[in-house]
Amino acid sequence: MSIFSKDNDPLGEKEALARHIRLALAVERPSGMELELSYALVKRLFNPVVSGAANIPDRPCLFVGNHSLFALDGWVLGPLLLKELKRFPRGLGDKFLFASAGIGDFILKRGTVMGHPEVCSALMRAGEDLIVFPGGAHEAVKPASMKYELQWKERYGFVKLAAQHGYTIMPFGLVGPDEFYGHLMEGRDIPDSALGSLLKRLGLLTEDTRSDMLPPIPVGALGSFLPKPRRCYLGFGQPVDLARYKGRTPSRKEQQSIRAAVARQIETQLAALLVAREQHKGEDSLLRRLLSL
């Protein structure tokens, strides 16, 4: 079965779910050489600028933001939040990331967990920071024409979970990773292309494949597969405190109001960050600008 199959459910069995939760709770905050190297690489390649960090309250939060192409935001956010803000939010990943036991265990040991309600509840009861991108994999494989746009559809799960546990939602916007790669071909165009025909013959593209989950064909710096060193801008909005809802599920109208408020905060941050990038583009070195074309 393809990892993009609609029927893929790695935590469908009770034992698998219990094991995932047990391992998730046992993960320790990253430290040591791996973190130092990751942080140094992010600083060197993407020279990130952080704003609004003073808005983050000193209590467990559910960080909510826009998802970047190929989920490369995690590469930037993880080391940055750990080193500069001393926060270790546990990423909530799409189930297809855990379809392979080897890959699933690898990312689980580094803090990412499956975005399953019971997994999230267990981490919230333990007072852990979490980070979620409600656009999920759809935003991570979006076409170039939709960069920095939220694609949340009818997803309210993050609002209900945060409210039930009295969590604070911390909205943020991130500009940069959506442009680490150009698009040679959009994922939605692959099934009807010559490449799609080849993938079908090889059995890699089937009727069960989620066509909305196919990623674009990327092109990086100087036509390579290396990411373009676009400078990153991270901005935090105002926290949305849901303590008053603890122990209950908000009404549908309340959920809509909360979700809309969070989305507005993120969109406001994205707009401001794009303006800031334009204002500071002259500060980028000639080499960075050439490699980012």
Protein backbone atom coordinates (compact mmCIF):
# COMPACT_ATOMS: atom_id res chain seq x y z
CA MET A 1 0.00 0.00 0.00
CA SER A 2 1.29 3.48 -0.89
CA ILE A 3 2.18 5.78 2.00
CA PHE A 4 -0.18 8.29 0.38
CA SER A 5 -3.08 5.83 0.39
CA LYS A 6 -6.35 7.06 1.84
CA ASP A 7 -6.47 3.86 3.92
CA ASN A 8 -3.06 4.30 5.53
CA ASP A 9 -3.46 4.36 9.34
CA PRO A 10 -0.26 3.49 11.28
CA LEU A 11 -1.99 3.92 14.66
CA GLY A 12 -5.11 1.97 13.81
CA GLU A 13 -4.31 -0.74 16.36
CA LYS A 14 -4.65 -0.01 20.09
CA GLU A 15 -1.17 -1.44 20.80
CA ALA A 16 0.44 0.78 18.16
CA LEU A 17 -1.26 3.87 19.59
CA ALA A 18 -0.19 3.03 23.16
CA ARG A 19 3.40 2.46 22.04
CA HIS A 20 3.45 5.76 20.16
CA ILE A 21 2.20 7.68 23.20
CA ARG A 22 4.68 5.94 25.50
CA LEU A 23 7.61 6.77 23.23
CA ALA A 24 6.38 10.33 22.69
CA LEU A 25 6.28 11.03 26.42
CA ALA A 26 9.77 9.59 26.87
CA VAL A 27 11.44 11.95 24.37
CA GLU A 28 13.96 14.29 26.00
CA ARG A 29 14.69 17.86 24.98
CA PRO A 30 17.42 17.82 22.26
CA SER A 31 20.87 19.01 23.24
CA GLY A 32 24.49 18.43 22.41
CA MET A 33 26.42 18.48 19.16
CA GLU A 34 23.50 17.61 16.86
CA LEU A 35 21.51 20.63 18.08
CA GLU A 36 24.54 22.94 17.93
CA LEU A 37 25.32 21.91 14.36
CA SER A 38 21.70 22.24 13.26
CA TYR A 39 21.43 25.71 14.78
CA ALA A 40 24.73 26.84 13.24
CA LEU A 41 23.59 25.58 9.83
CA VAL A 42 20.24 27.38 10.06
CA LYS A 43 21.93 30.62 11.11
CA ARG A 44 24.52 30.38 8.36
CA LEU A 45 22.20 29.39 5.51
CA PHE A 46 19.03 31.31 6.32
CA ASN A 47 20.11 34.13 8.69
CA PRO A 48 16.67 34.14 10.42
CA VAL A 49 15.06 37.24 11.91
CA VAL A 50 12.68 36.72 14.86
CA SER A 51 10.06 39.24 15.99
CA GLY A 52 7.30 39.18 18.59
CA ALA A 53 9.01 36.62 20.86
CA ALA A 54 8.02 38.71 23.89
CA ASN A 55 4.39 37.79 23.14
CA ILE A 56 4.98 34.14 24.05
CA PRO A 57 3.64 33.47 27.57
CA ASP A 58 5.56 31.49 30.16
CA ARG A 59 3.19 28.51 30.09
CA PRO A 60 2.59 25.53 27.79
CA CYS A 61 1.36 26.62 24.37
CA LEU A 62 0.02 25.20 21.16
CA PHE A 63 2.03 27.02 18.48
CA VAL A 64 -0.02 27.37 15.28
CA GLY A 65 1.35 28.63 11.98
CA ASN A 66 1.56 28.36 8.20
CA HIS A 67 3.13 25.21 6.80
CA SER A 68 5.97 25.52 4.31
CA LEU A 69 6.81 23.61 1.15
CA PHE A 70 8.07 20.08 1.94
CA ALA A 71 7.59 20.89 5.66
CA LEU A 72 11.03 22.53 5.66
CA ASP A 73 9.82 24.95 8.32
CA GLY A 74 10.68 22.26 10.87
CA TRP A 75 14.32 22.40 9.82
CA VAL A 76 14.35 26.13 10.62
CA LEU A 77 11.97 26.29 13.58
CA GLY A 78 13.30 23.40 15.68
CA PRO A 79 16.85 24.66 16.30
CA LEU A 80 15.71 28.30 16.41
CA LEU A 81 13.03 27.78 19.07
CA LEU A 82 15.29 25.55 21.16
CA LYS A 83 18.38 27.73 21.10
CA GLU A 84 16.94 31.24 21.14
CA LEU A 85 13.57 30.86 22.87
CA LYS A 86 14.27 27.76 25.02
CA ARG A 87 11.05 26.11 23.82
CA PHE A 88 10.66 22.55 22.55
CA PRO A 89 7.24 22.34 20.88
CA ARG A 90 6.38 18.84 19.76
CA GLY A 91 5.50 18.81 16.07
CA LEU A 92 2.24 17.14 15.02
CA GLY A 93 2.84 15.24 11.79
CA ASP A 94 0.55 13.77 9.14
CA LYS A 95 -0.04 10.04 9.42
CA PHE A 96 1.75 9.27 6.13
CA LEU A 97 5.04 10.29 7.80
CA PHE A 98 4.68 7.28 10.10
CA ALA A 99 3.71 4.73 7.44
CA SER A 100 7.31 3.46 7.49
CA ALA A 101 8.25 2.20 10.96
CA GLY A 102 11.89 3.18 10.48
CA ILE A 103 11.17 6.75 9.42
CA GLY A 104 8.40 7.07 11.98
CA ASP A 105 10.64 6.04 14.88
CA PHE A 106 13.43 8.33 13.63
CA ILE A 107 11.29 11.48 13.64
CA LEU A 108 9.49 10.42 16.84
CA LYS A 109 12.80 10.27 18.70
CA ARG A 110 13.44 13.86 17.56
CA GLY A 111 10.15 15.13 18.93
CA THR A 112 7.62 14.87 16.11
CA VAL A 113 4.48 12.86 16.89
CA MET A 114 1.47 11.84 14.87
CA GLY A 115 -1.32 14.39 15.03
CA HIS A 116 -3.72 11.92 16.66
CA PRO A 117 -6.18 13.33 19.26
CA GLU A 118 -5.13 10.84 21.95
CA VAL A 119 -1.43 11.54 21.35
CA CYS A 120 -2.01 15.28 21.58
CA SER A 121 -4.10 14.94 24.73
CA ALA A 122 -1.41 12.86 26.43
CA LEU A 123 1.23 15.50 25.68
CA MET A 124 -1.03 18.33 26.84
CA ARG A 125 -1.74 16.53 30.11
CA ALA A 126 2.04 16.35 30.55
CA GLY A 127 2.31 20.14 30.00
CA GLU A 128 4.29 19.91 26.76
CA ASP A 129 4.49 22.64 24.13
CA LEU A 130 3.07 21.52 20.77
CA ILE A 131 3.27 22.95 17.29
CA VAL A 132 0.73 22.30 14.56
CA PHE A 133 0.14 23.41 11.00
CA PRO A 134 -3.61 22.99 10.38
CA GLY A 135 -3.00 23.06 6.63
CA GLY A 136 -1.08 19.82 7.10
CA ALA A 137 0.41 18.03 4.14
CA HIS A 138 -1.82 19.99 1.77
CA GLU A 139 0.12 23.17 2.55
CA ALA A 140 3.42 21.27 2.42
CA VAL A 141 2.84 20.27 -1.23
CA LYS A 142 0.97 23.38 -2.38
CA PRO A 143 1.62 24.94 -5.81
CA ALA A 144 3.90 27.98 -6.07
CA SER A 145 0.89 30.21 -6.72
CA MET A 146 -0.37 29.55 -3.16
CA LYS A 147 2.78 30.22 -1.14
CA TYR A 148 2.14 31.81 2.25
CA GLU A 149 -1.60 31.08 2.00
CA LEU A 150 -3.45 29.12 4.68
CA GLN A 151 -5.32 26.03 3.47
CA TRP A 152 -7.16 24.91 6.57
CA LYS A 153 -10.35 23.65 4.90
CA GLU A 154 -12.76 22.64 7.70
CA ARG A 155 -10.18 21.66 10.29
CA TYR A 156 -11.12 22.52 13.87
CA GLY A 157 -9.38 19.72 15.76
CA PHE A 158 -6.58 21.95 17.06
CA VAL A 159 -9.11 24.44 18.43
CA LYS A 160 -11.12 21.74 20.24
CA LEU A 161 -8.04 20.09 21.77
CA ALA A 162 -6.51 23.39 22.93
CA ALA A 163 -9.81 24.46 24.46
CA GLN A 164 -10.48 21.16 26.23
CA HIS A 165 -7.06 21.35 27.88
CA GLY A 166 -7.22 25.10 28.58
CA TYR A 167 -4.15 25.70 26.43
CA THR A 168 -2.94 28.97 24.97
CA ILE A 169 -2.71 29.11 21.18
CA MET A 170 0.39 30.97 20.01
CA PRO A 171 -0.04 32.10 16.37
CA PHE A 172 3.04 32.66 14.22
CA GLY A 173 4.00 33.30 10.62
CA LEU A 174 7.14 32.13 8.83
CA VAL A 175 8.42 33.56 5.55
CA GLY A 176 11.28 32.01 3.60
CA PRO A 177 10.94 28.21 3.40
CA ASP A 178 8.18 28.34 0.76
CA GLU A 179 10.88 29.66 -1.58
CA PHE A 180 13.74 27.29 -0.76
CA TYR A 181 12.77 25.46 -3.95
CA GLY A 182 11.25 26.36 -7.27
CA HIS A 183 8.67 24.09 -8.96
CA LEU A 184 9.59 22.27 -12.16
CA MET A 185 6.19 20.59 -12.12
CA GLU A 186 3.30 20.91 -9.70
CA GLY A 187 2.22 17.74 -7.91
CA ARG A 188 -1.33 18.02 -9.22
CA ASP A 189 0.02 17.81 -12.79
CA ILE A 190 2.06 14.64 -12.24
CA PRO A 191 -0.68 11.98 -12.74
CA ASP A 192 -1.41 13.14 -16.32
CA SER A 193 2.24 13.64 -17.28
CA ALA A 194 4.84 11.33 -18.81
CA LEU A 195 6.37 11.05 -15.35
CA GLY A 196 3.00 10.01 -13.98
CA SER A 197 2.69 7.28 -16.62
CA LEU A 198 6.11 5.96 -15.65
CA LEU A 199 5.24 5.98 -11.93
CA LYS A 200 2.03 4.08 -12.68
CA ARG A 201 3.91 1.43 -14.64
CA LEU A 202 6.33 1.06 -11.74
CA GLY A 203 3.44 0.70 -9.31
CA LEU A 204 4.42 3.84 -7.40
CA LEU A 205 1.28 5.71 -8.42
CA THR A 206 -1.97 3.77 -7.96
CA GLU A 207 -5.69 4.40 -7.77
CA ASP A 208 -5.33 4.59 -3.98
CA THR A 209 -2.75 7.38 -4.17
CA ARG A 210 -3.93 10.67 -2.74
CA SER A 211 -3.40 12.96 -5.74
CA ASP A 212 -3.76 16.00 -3.49
CA MET A 213 -0.69 14.79 -1.59
CA LEU A 214 1.73 14.56 -4.51
CA PRO A 215 4.60 17.03 -4.05
CA PRO A 216 5.91 19.28 -6.80
CA ILE A 217 9.14 18.41 -8.62
CA PRO A 218 11.64 20.76 -6.94
CA VAL A 219 14.57 22.76 -8.24
CA GLY A 220 16.96 24.36 -5.77
CA ALA A 221 20.00 26.61 -5.82
CA LEU A 222 21.62 26.82 -9.27
CA GLY A 223 19.31 24.08 -10.56
CA SER A 224 20.43 21.59 -7.92
CA PHE A 225 18.54 19.81 -5.14
CA LEU A 226 20.16 22.01 -2.49
CA PRO A 227 17.81 24.59 -0.93
CA LYS A 228 18.07 28.20 -1.95
CA PRO A 229 19.44 30.25 0.98
CA ARG A 230 16.43 32.55 1.28
CA ARG A 231 16.53 34.61 4.45
CA CYS A 232 13.82 33.56 6.93
CA TYR A 233 11.51 35.82 8.92
CA LEU A 234 9.59 34.45 11.92
CA GLY A 235 6.96 36.53 13.69
CA PHE A 236 4.74 35.74 16.69
CA GLY A 237 1.31 37.32 17.09
CA GLN A 238 -0.80 37.76 20.21
CA PRO A 239 -1.59 34.66 22.31
CA VAL A 240 -5.14 33.31 22.34
CA ASP A 241 -5.81 32.09 25.88
CA LEU A 242 -8.40 29.30 26.05
CA ALA A 243 -8.16 28.61 29.80
CA ARG A 244 -11.85 29.45 30.24
CA TYR A 245 -12.81 26.45 28.11
CA LYS A 246 -10.82 23.85 30.06
CA GLY A 247 -12.78 20.66 30.51
CA ARG A 248 -15.35 21.38 27.82
CA THR A 249 -15.69 21.62 24.05
CA PRO A 250 -16.60 25.08 22.69
CA SER A 251 -19.73 25.40 20.59
CA ARG A 252 -19.35 25.36 16.82
CA LYS A 253 -19.79 29.12 16.73
CA GLU A 254 -17.11 29.57 19.40
CA GLN A 255 -14.76 27.25 17.50
CA GLN A 256 -15.27 29.27 14.33
CA SER A 257 -14.56 32.51 16.18
CA ILE A 258 -11.36 31.12 17.79
CA ARG A 259 -10.09 29.66 14.53
CA ALA A 260 -10.77 32.89 12.64
CA ALA A 261 -8.92 34.91 15.30
CA VAL A 262 -5.88 32.62 15.05
CA ALA A 263 -5.90 32.70 11.24
CA ARG A 264 -6.08 36.52 11.25
CA GLN A 265 -3.06 36.69 13.56
CA ILE A 266 -1.04 34.41 11.27
CA GLU A 267 -2.06 36.26 8.11
CA THR A 268 -1.20 39.60 9.76
CA GLN A 269 2.24 38.25 10.65
CA LEU A 270 2.84 36.93 7.14
CA ALA A 271 1.91 40.25 5.56
CA ALA A 272 4.19 42.16 7.95
CA LEU A 273 7.08 39.73 7.43
CA LEU A 274 6.84 39.98 3.64
CA VAL A 275 7.03 43.77 3.95
CA ALA A 276 10.00 43.50 6.33
CA ARG A 277 11.79 41.19 3.90
CA GLU A 278 11.30 43.64 1.07
CA GLN A 279 12.63 46.48 3.22
CA HIS A 280 15.75 44.50 4.19
CA LYS A 281 16.52 42.75 0.91
CA GLY A 282 19.45 45.10 0.31
CA GLU A 283 21.16 43.59 3.36
CA ASP A 284 21.54 40.19 1.70
CA SER A 285 24.95 39.42 0.28
CA LEU A 286 25.42 39.18 -3.47
CA LEU A 287 26.12 35.45 -3.12
CA ARG A 288 22.87 34.87 -1.20
CA ARG A 289 20.92 36.78 -3.82
CA LEU A 290 22.49 34.86 -6.70
CA LEU A 291 21.90 31.47 -5.07
CA SER A 292 18.29 32.44 -4.30
CA LEU A 293 17.33 33.18 -7.92
